[in-house]
Amino acid sequence: MNSDNSYGKLFISFKQYLIQITKDAMLFIICFAPLMCGVLFKFGIPAAEKLIILEPYYLLFDLLLAVLTPMMISYISSMVILGDIDEGITKYMAVTPLGKSGYLISKLVFPLFASFFITIIVMMIFSLTKIDLMQIIGISILTSLLGLIMSMMVISISANKVEGMAVIKLSGITMIGIPAAFLTAESVQYMFFFLPSLWIAKFSMEYSLIYFVLCIALSSIWILFFIKKFLKKIY
């Protein structure tokens, strides 16, 4: 019974999260950004092939598309949470039935799962390369974790929505590892070893379980660091 009540509270909180998105025109429009970019990548890049050789970088474009969905959802989650911080809602989460852990699950983990499934669908429809379904699932897991890192970075550093929009631009640095894996020499790539995005690219290029596990471990370190920073900030 208690378990059912807990799940019910989480879903109520997540429902409120969705309502907050529908009330903000900008956040609502952002929800469709992966679809619009998918169409642009799928048809625009092959068309541009007539002017410039892009085929060797099709996988790079696929990974940027795979990162786009978690990035957009991380932006939405960050803005919703920072809005709650602005209104002082987060200060009272610890004493509510939902609790601080339930709050983070409903605002971050649930969107993370949504990001995972949406990324799979987007990649299956709009991918420029032929990627195995299991590899798509692996990429979707890793890019969703990268999106969570971005969210935690923004909400742990920013004091309000205005600062959050600036930090979101800064959080884009975490994606540098993807183009670095394609556009730089191998000796240079390892300068970015601390970025999970580098290992996402390596996993995608070589489909190696070692890179997958390494990315999961590195992402966990980043996430735990920012979760601790965020909890100290609001409690």
C-alpha atoms as a PDB file:
ATOM      1  CA  MET A   1       0.000   0.000   0.000  1.00  0.00           C
ATOM      2  CA  ASN A   2       2.767   2.373   0.963  1.00  0.00           C
ATOM      3  CA  SER A   3       4.588   1.455  -2.235  1.00  0.00           C
ATOM      4  CA  ASP A   4       1.475   2.221  -4.296  1.00  0.00           C
ATOM      5  CA  ASN A   5       1.103   5.566  -2.541  1.00  0.00           C
ATOM      6  CA  SER A   6       4.754   6.403  -3.254  1.00  0.00           C
ATOM      7  CA  TYR A   7       4.365   5.625  -6.942  1.00  0.00           C
ATOM      8  CA  GLY A   8       1.167   7.627  -7.017  1.00  0.00           C
ATOM      9  CA  LYS A   9       2.896  10.688  -5.545  1.00  0.00           C
ATOM     10  CA  LEU A  10       5.726  10.388  -8.070  1.00  0.00           C
ATOM     11  CA  PHE A  11       3.322  10.252 -11.003  1.00  0.00           C
ATOM     12  CA  ILE A  12       1.304  13.182  -9.634  1.00  0.00           C
ATOM     13  CA  SER A  13       4.501  15.202  -9.394  1.00  0.00           C
ATOM     14  CA  PHE A  14       5.504  14.151 -12.917  1.00  0.00           C
ATOM     15  CA  LYS A  15       2.052  15.131 -14.170  1.00  0.00           C
ATOM     16  CA  GLN A  16       2.579  18.553 -12.624  1.00  0.00           C
ATOM     17  CA  TYR A  17       5.921  18.712 -14.445  1.00  0.00           C
ATOM     18  CA  LEU A  18       4.129  18.090 -17.760  1.00  0.00           C
ATOM     19  CA  ILE A  19       1.518  20.727 -16.936  1.00  0.00           C
ATOM     20  CA  GLN A  20       4.283  23.252 -16.238  1.00  0.00           C
ATOM     21  CA  ILE A  21       5.714  22.544 -19.692  1.00  0.00           C
ATOM     22  CA  THR A  22       2.387  23.072 -21.459  1.00  0.00           C
ATOM     23  CA  LYS A  23       1.973  26.426 -19.709  1.00  0.00           C
ATOM     24  CA  ASP A  24       5.316  27.692 -21.029  1.00  0.00           C
ATOM     25  CA  ALA A  25       5.191  28.209 -24.806  1.00  0.00           C
ATOM     26  CA  MET A  26       8.963  28.100 -25.220  1.00  0.00           C
ATOM     27  CA  LEU A  27       9.373  24.831 -23.301  1.00  0.00           C
ATOM     28  CA  PHE A  28       6.457  23.294 -25.192  1.00  0.00           C
ATOM     29  CA  ILE A  29       7.968  24.172 -28.576  1.00  0.00           C
ATOM     30  CA  ILE A  30      11.349  22.766 -27.501  1.00  0.00           C
ATOM     31  CA  CYS A  31       9.681  19.361 -27.091  1.00  0.00           C
ATOM     32  CA  PHE A  32       9.414  19.179 -30.880  1.00  0.00           C
ATOM     33  CA  ALA A  33      13.016  20.257 -31.578  1.00  0.00           C
ATOM     34  CA  PRO A  34      14.370  16.683 -31.954  1.00  0.00           C
ATOM     35  CA  LEU A  35      11.709  15.902 -34.572  1.00  0.00           C
ATOM     36  CA  MET A  36      12.419  19.077 -36.540  1.00  0.00           C
ATOM     37  CA  CYS A  37      16.181  18.530 -36.407  1.00  0.00           C
ATOM     38  CA  GLY A  38      15.699  14.879 -37.332  1.00  0.00           C
ATOM     39  CA  VAL A  39      13.901  15.883 -40.523  1.00  0.00           C
ATOM     40  CA  LEU A  40      16.598  18.479 -41.265  1.00  0.00           C
ATOM     41  CA  PHE A  41      19.410  15.966 -40.749  1.00  0.00           C
ATOM     42  CA  LYS A  42      17.682  13.152 -42.644  1.00  0.00           C
ATOM     43  CA  PHE A  43      16.963  15.154 -45.776  1.00  0.00           C
ATOM     44  CA  GLY A  44      19.147  18.261 -45.555  1.00  0.00           C
ATOM     45  CA  ILE A  45      22.529  16.611 -45.041  1.00  0.00           C
ATOM     46  CA  PRO A  46      22.236  14.140 -47.965  1.00  0.00           C
ATOM     47  CA  ALA A  47      21.120  17.073 -50.136  1.00  0.00           C
ATOM     48  CA  ALA A  48      24.176  19.068 -49.040  1.00  0.00           C
ATOM     49  CA  GLU A  49      26.318  16.116 -50.171  1.00  0.00           C
ATOM     50  CA  LYS A  50      26.099  17.578 -53.685  1.00  0.00           C
ATOM     51  CA  LEU A  51      28.105  20.605 -52.526  1.00  0.00           C
ATOM     52  CA  ILE A  52      30.455  19.109 -49.945  1.00  0.00           C
ATOM     53  CA  ILE A  53      31.535  15.593 -48.960  1.00  0.00           C
ATOM     54  CA  LEU A  54      29.764  14.749 -45.716  1.00  0.00           C
ATOM     55  CA  GLU A  55      29.243  10.981 -45.868  1.00  0.00           C
ATOM     56  CA  PRO A  56      32.335  10.152 -43.734  1.00  0.00           C
ATOM     57  CA  TYR A  57      30.735  12.191 -40.957  1.00  0.00           C
ATOM     58  CA  TYR A  58      27.241  10.705 -41.092  1.00  0.00           C
ATOM     59  CA  LEU A  59      27.821   8.900 -37.785  1.00  0.00           C
ATOM     60  CA  LEU A  60      28.885  12.199 -36.229  1.00  0.00           C
ATOM     61  CA  PHE A  61      25.592  13.757 -37.313  1.00  0.00           C
ATOM     62  CA  ASP A  62      23.717  10.730 -35.944  1.00  0.00           C
ATOM     63  CA  LEU A  63      25.379  11.172 -32.545  1.00  0.00           C
ATOM     64  CA  LEU A  64      24.624  14.885 -32.472  1.00  0.00           C
ATOM     65  CA  LEU A  65      20.994  13.997 -33.179  1.00  0.00           C
ATOM     66  CA  ALA A  66      21.094  11.357 -30.416  1.00  0.00           C
ATOM     67  CA  VAL A  67      22.400  13.949 -27.950  1.00  0.00           C
ATOM     68  CA  LEU A  68      19.852  16.550 -29.022  1.00  0.00           C
ATOM     69  CA  THR A  69      16.823  14.876 -27.406  1.00  0.00           C
ATOM     70  CA  PRO A  70      18.416  14.471 -23.936  1.00  0.00           C
ATOM     71  CA  MET A  71      19.839  17.980 -24.238  1.00  0.00           C
ATOM     72  CA  MET A  72      16.423  19.482 -24.958  1.00  0.00           C
ATOM     73  CA  ILE A  73      14.776  17.506 -22.151  1.00  0.00           C
ATOM     74  CA  SER A  74      17.589  18.479 -19.776  1.00  0.00           C
ATOM     75  CA  TYR A  75      16.926  22.118 -20.654  1.00  0.00           C
ATOM     76  CA  ILE A  76      13.216  21.707 -19.959  1.00  0.00           C
ATOM     77  CA  SER A  77      13.821  19.917 -16.637  1.00  0.00           C
ATOM     78  CA  SER A  78      16.354  22.541 -15.593  1.00  0.00           C
ATOM     79  CA  MET A  79      13.964  25.401 -16.298  1.00  0.00           C
ATOM     80  CA  VAL A  80      11.108  23.689 -14.420  1.00  0.00           C
ATOM     81  CA  ILE A  81      13.283  23.019 -11.356  1.00  0.00           C
ATOM     82  CA  LEU A  82      14.804  26.501 -11.376  1.00  0.00           C
ATOM     83  CA  GLY A  83      11.274  27.874 -11.594  1.00  0.00           C
ATOM     84  CA  ASP A  84      10.413  25.879  -8.459  1.00  0.00           C
ATOM     85  CA  ILE A  85      13.533  27.259  -6.781  1.00  0.00           C
ATOM     86  CA  ASP A  86      12.518  30.821  -7.724  1.00  0.00           C
ATOM     87  CA  GLU A  87       9.105  30.225  -6.140  1.00  0.00           C
ATOM     88  CA  GLY A  88      10.635  28.620  -3.042  1.00  0.00           C
ATOM     89  CA  ILE A  89       8.896  25.292  -3.645  1.00  0.00           C
ATOM     90  CA  THR A  90      12.038  23.150  -3.346  1.00  0.00           C
ATOM     91  CA  LYS A  91      12.704  24.330   0.220  1.00  0.00           C
ATOM     92  CA  TYR A  92       9.621  22.477   1.431  1.00  0.00           C
ATOM     93  CA  MET A  93      10.148  19.225  -0.470  1.00  0.00           C
ATOM     94  CA  ALA A  94      11.919  17.481   2.412  1.00  0.00           C
ATOM     95  CA  VAL A  95       8.864  17.812   4.672  1.00  0.00           C
ATOM     96  CA  THR A  96       6.287  16.757   2.063  1.00  0.00           C
ATOM     97  CA  PRO A  97       5.179  13.142   1.454  1.00  0.00           C
ATOM     98  CA  LEU A  98       7.005  13.293  -1.882  1.00  0.00           C
ATOM     99  CA  GLY A  99      10.354  14.060  -0.232  1.00  0.00           C
ATOM    100  CA  LYS A 100      13.491  15.444  -1.816  1.00  0.00           C
ATOM    101  CA  SER A 101      14.365  12.116  -3.478  1.00  0.00           C
ATOM    102  CA  GLY A 102      10.848  11.776  -4.897  1.00  0.00           C
ATOM    103  CA  TYR A 103      11.020  15.328  -6.205  1.00  0.00           C
ATOM    104  CA  LEU A 104      14.271  14.643  -8.075  1.00  0.00           C
ATOM    105  CA  ILE A 105      12.946  11.348  -9.431  1.00  0.00           C
ATOM    106  CA  SER A 106       9.789  12.952 -10.826  1.00  0.00           C
ATOM    107  CA  LYS A 107      11.601  15.990 -12.285  1.00  0.00           C
ATOM    108  CA  LEU A 108      14.786  14.323 -13.501  1.00  0.00           C
ATOM    109  CA  VAL A 109      14.610  10.511 -13.620  1.00  0.00           C
ATOM    110  CA  PHE A 110      11.182  10.248 -15.276  1.00  0.00           C
ATOM    111  CA  PRO A 111      12.201  12.750 -18.004  1.00  0.00           C
ATOM    112  CA  LEU A 112      15.431  10.746 -18.323  1.00  0.00           C
ATOM    113  CA  PHE A 113      13.432   7.614 -19.188  1.00  0.00           C
ATOM    114  CA  ALA A 114      11.310   9.606 -21.640  1.00  0.00           C
ATOM    115  CA  SER A 115      14.500  10.912 -23.229  1.00  0.00           C
ATOM    116  CA  PHE A 116      15.806   7.353 -23.589  1.00  0.00           C
ATOM    117  CA  PHE A 117      12.767   6.085 -25.503  1.00  0.00           C
ATOM    118  CA  ILE A 118      12.417   9.215 -27.632  1.00  0.00           C
ATOM    119  CA  THR A 119      16.086   9.013 -28.631  1.00  0.00           C
ATOM    120  CA  ILE A 120      15.629   5.414 -29.772  1.00  0.00           C
ATOM    121  CA  ILE A 121      12.642   6.381 -31.920  1.00  0.00           C
ATOM    122  CA  VAL A 122      14.371   9.450 -33.373  1.00  0.00           C
ATOM    123  CA  MET A 123      17.485   7.468 -34.272  1.00  0.00           C
ATOM    124  CA  MET A 124      15.525   4.603 -35.816  1.00  0.00           C
ATOM    125  CA  ILE A 125      13.619   7.038 -38.050  1.00  0.00           C
ATOM    126  CA  PHE A 126      16.215   9.681 -38.885  1.00  0.00           C
ATOM    127  CA  SER A 127      19.613   7.982 -38.619  1.00  0.00           C
ATOM    128  CA  LEU A 128      21.854   8.531 -41.628  1.00  0.00           C
ATOM    129  CA  THR A 129      23.867   5.377 -40.979  1.00  0.00           C
ATOM    130  CA  LYS A 130      22.779   1.774 -40.523  1.00  0.00           C
ATOM    131  CA  ILE A 131      23.122   1.249 -36.781  1.00  0.00           C
ATOM    132  CA  ASP A 132      22.197  -2.009 -35.062  1.00  0.00           C
ATOM    133  CA  LEU A 133      19.178  -1.732 -32.731  1.00  0.00           C
ATOM    134  CA  MET A 134      21.199  -2.871 -29.711  1.00  0.00           C
ATOM    135  CA  GLN A 135      23.792  -0.210 -30.449  1.00  0.00           C
ATOM    136  CA  ILE A 136      21.044   2.403 -30.745  1.00  0.00           C
ATOM    137  CA  ILE A 137      19.775   1.328 -27.315  1.00  0.00           C
ATOM    138  CA  GLY A 138      23.309   1.602 -25.913  1.00  0.00           C
ATOM    139  CA  ILE A 139      23.801   5.058 -27.415  1.00  0.00           C
ATOM    140  CA  SER A 140      20.414   6.152 -26.073  1.00  0.00           C
ATOM    141  CA  ILE A 141      21.336   5.054 -22.547  1.00  0.00           C
ATOM    142  CA  LEU A 142      24.619   6.965 -22.660  1.00  0.00           C
ATOM    143  CA  THR A 143      23.213  10.141 -24.203  1.00  0.00           C
ATOM    144  CA  SER A 144      20.343  10.154 -21.685  1.00  0.00           C
ATOM    145  CA  LEU A 145      22.905  10.060 -18.873  1.00  0.00           C
ATOM    146  CA  LEU A 146      24.729  12.937 -20.567  1.00  0.00           C
ATOM    147  CA  GLY A 147      21.456  14.869 -20.556  1.00  0.00           C
ATOM    148  CA  LEU A 148      21.095  14.184 -16.835  1.00  0.00           C
ATOM    149  CA  ILE A 149      24.613  15.515 -16.265  1.00  0.00           C
ATOM    150  CA  MET A 150      23.653  18.710 -18.094  1.00  0.00           C
ATOM    151  CA  SER A 151      20.505  19.094 -15.984  1.00  0.00           C
ATOM    152  CA  MET A 152      22.360  18.542 -12.708  1.00  0.00           C
ATOM    153  CA  MET A 153      25.093  20.968 -13.734  1.00  0.00           C
ATOM    154  CA  VAL A 154      22.596  23.706 -14.513  1.00  0.00           C
ATOM    155  CA  ILE A 155      20.407  23.358 -11.415  1.00  0.00           C
ATOM    156  CA  SER A 156      23.342  22.942  -9.023  1.00  0.00           C
ATOM    157  CA  ILE A 157      25.230  26.012 -10.270  1.00  0.00           C
ATOM    158  CA  SER A 158      22.393  28.396 -11.187  1.00  0.00           C
ATOM    159  CA  ALA A 159      20.524  30.477  -8.639  1.00  0.00           C
ATOM    160  CA  ASN A 160      17.599  31.292 -10.950  1.00  0.00           C
ATOM    161  CA  LYS A 161      16.273  30.904 -14.486  1.00  0.00           C
ATOM    162  CA  VAL A 162      18.317  33.801 -15.848  1.00  0.00           C
ATOM    163  CA  GLU A 163      21.560  32.273 -14.621  1.00  0.00           C
ATOM    164  CA  GLY A 164      20.290  28.878 -15.749  1.00  0.00           C
ATOM    165  CA  MET A 165      20.063  29.972 -19.385  1.00  0.00           C
ATOM    166  CA  ALA A 166      23.700  31.093 -19.260  1.00  0.00           C
ATOM    167  CA  VAL A 167      24.876  27.885 -17.584  1.00  0.00           C
ATOM    168  CA  ILE A 168      22.956  25.789 -20.142  1.00  0.00           C
ATOM    169  CA  LYS A 169      25.166  27.287 -22.844  1.00  0.00           C
ATOM    170  CA  LEU A 170      28.203  26.440 -20.713  1.00  0.00           C
ATOM    171  CA  SER A 171      26.979  22.874 -20.202  1.00  0.00           C
ATOM    172  CA  GLY A 172      27.247  22.377 -23.954  1.00  0.00           C
ATOM    173  CA  ILE A 173      30.981  21.970 -23.337  1.00  0.00           C
ATOM    174  CA  THR A 174      30.217  18.438 -22.146  1.00  0.00           C
ATOM    175  CA  MET A 175      29.419  17.535 -25.770  1.00  0.00           C
ATOM    176  CA  ILE A 176      32.854  18.475 -27.124  1.00  0.00           C
ATOM    177  CA  GLY A 177      34.053  14.888 -26.834  1.00  0.00           C
ATOM    178  CA  ILE A 178      31.816  13.795 -29.731  1.00  0.00           C
ATOM    179  CA  PRO A 179      33.300  15.984 -32.505  1.00  0.00           C
ATOM    180  CA  ALA A 180      36.755  15.567 -30.924  1.00  0.00           C
ATOM    181  CA  ALA A 181      36.574  11.805 -31.531  1.00  0.00           C
ATOM    182  CA  PHE A 182      35.945  12.388 -35.240  1.00  0.00           C
ATOM    183  CA  LEU A 183      37.953  15.512 -36.005  1.00  0.00           C
ATOM    184  CA  THR A 184      41.156  15.253 -33.959  1.00  0.00           C
ATOM    185  CA  ALA A 185      44.136  12.907 -33.812  1.00  0.00           C
ATOM    186  CA  GLU A 186      43.867  10.046 -31.328  1.00  0.00           C
ATOM    187  CA  SER A 187      46.635  11.518 -29.179  1.00  0.00           C
ATOM    188  CA  VAL A 188      44.635  14.736 -28.880  1.00  0.00           C
ATOM    189  CA  GLN A 189      41.338  12.984 -28.167  1.00  0.00           C
ATOM    190  CA  TYR A 190      42.462  11.702 -24.798  1.00  0.00           C
ATOM    191  CA  MET A 191      42.763  15.287 -23.546  1.00  0.00           C
ATOM    192  CA  PHE A 192      38.984  14.966 -23.267  1.00  0.00           C
ATOM    193  CA  PHE A 193      39.046  11.643 -21.376  1.00  0.00           C
ATOM    194  CA  PHE A 194      37.050  13.135 -18.478  1.00  0.00           C
ATOM    195  CA  LEU A 195      34.067  13.878 -20.756  1.00  0.00           C
ATOM    196  CA  PRO A 196      31.519  11.050 -21.095  1.00  0.00           C
ATOM    197  CA  SER A 197      30.739  12.345 -24.591  1.00  0.00           C
ATOM    198  CA  LEU A 198      34.150  11.171 -25.841  1.00  0.00           C
ATOM    199  CA  TRP A 199      33.363   7.610 -24.783  1.00  0.00           C
ATOM    200  CA  ILE A 200      29.890   7.823 -26.322  1.00  0.00           C
ATOM    201  CA  ALA A 201      31.590   8.557 -29.633  1.00  0.00           C
ATOM    202  CA  LYS A 202      34.177   5.813 -29.099  1.00  0.00           C
ATOM    203  CA  PHE A 203      31.435   3.305 -28.287  1.00  0.00           C
ATOM    204  CA  SER A 204      29.502   4.312 -31.402  1.00  0.00           C
ATOM    205  CA  MET A 205      32.550   4.046 -33.652  1.00  0.00           C
ATOM    206  CA  GLU A 206      33.944   0.767 -32.322  1.00  0.00           C
ATOM    207  CA  TYR A 207      30.901  -0.761 -30.564  1.00  0.00           C
ATOM    208  CA  SER A 208      33.113  -1.804 -27.641  1.00  0.00           C
ATOM    209  CA  LEU A 209      31.619  -2.809 -24.288  1.00  0.00           C
ATOM    210  CA  ILE A 210      34.689  -1.354 -22.555  1.00  0.00           C
ATOM    211  CA  TYR A 211      33.826   2.133 -23.791  1.00  0.00           C
ATOM    212  CA  PHE A 212      30.188   1.645 -22.764  1.00  0.00           C
ATOM    213  CA  VAL A 213      31.107   0.648 -19.196  1.00  0.00           C
ATOM    214  CA  LEU A 214      33.711   3.416 -18.965  1.00  0.00           C
ATOM    215  CA  CYS A 215      31.120   5.989 -20.026  1.00  0.00           C
ATOM    216  CA  ILE A 216      28.595   4.691 -17.466  1.00  0.00           C
ATOM    217  CA  ALA A 217      31.204   4.876 -14.683  1.00  0.00           C
ATOM    218  CA  LEU A 218      32.373   8.354 -15.644  1.00  0.00           C
ATOM    219  CA  SER A 219      28.796   9.622 -16.011  1.00  0.00           C
ATOM    220  CA  SER A 220      27.950   8.282 -12.544  1.00  0.00           C
ATOM    221  CA  ILE A 221      30.815  10.269 -11.022  1.00  0.00           C
ATOM    222  CA  TRP A 222      29.631  13.483 -12.699  1.00  0.00           C
ATOM    223  CA  ILE A 223      26.006  12.883 -11.655  1.00  0.00           C
ATOM    224  CA  LEU A 224      26.824  12.083  -8.017  1.00  0.00           C
ATOM    225  CA  PHE A 225      29.034  15.181  -7.776  1.00  0.00           C
ATOM    226  CA  PHE A 226      26.284  17.505  -9.007  1.00  0.00           C
ATOM    227  CA  ILE A 227      23.529  15.793  -6.998  1.00  0.00           C
ATOM    228  CA  LYS A 228      25.483  16.398  -3.781  1.00  0.00           C
ATOM    229  CA  LYS A 229      26.093  19.999  -4.809  1.00  0.00           C
ATOM    230  CA  PHE A 230      22.414  20.525  -5.594  1.00  0.00           C
ATOM    231  CA  LEU A 231      21.159  18.984  -2.337  1.00  0.00           C
ATOM    232  CA  LYS A 232      23.512  21.200  -0.325  1.00  0.00           C
ATOM    233  CA  LYS A 233      22.189  24.170  -2.241  1.00  0.00           C
ATOM    234  CA  ILE A 234      18.475  23.683  -1.555  1.00  0.00           C
ATOM    235  CA  TYR A 235      18.494  21.936   1.822  1.00  0.00           C
END
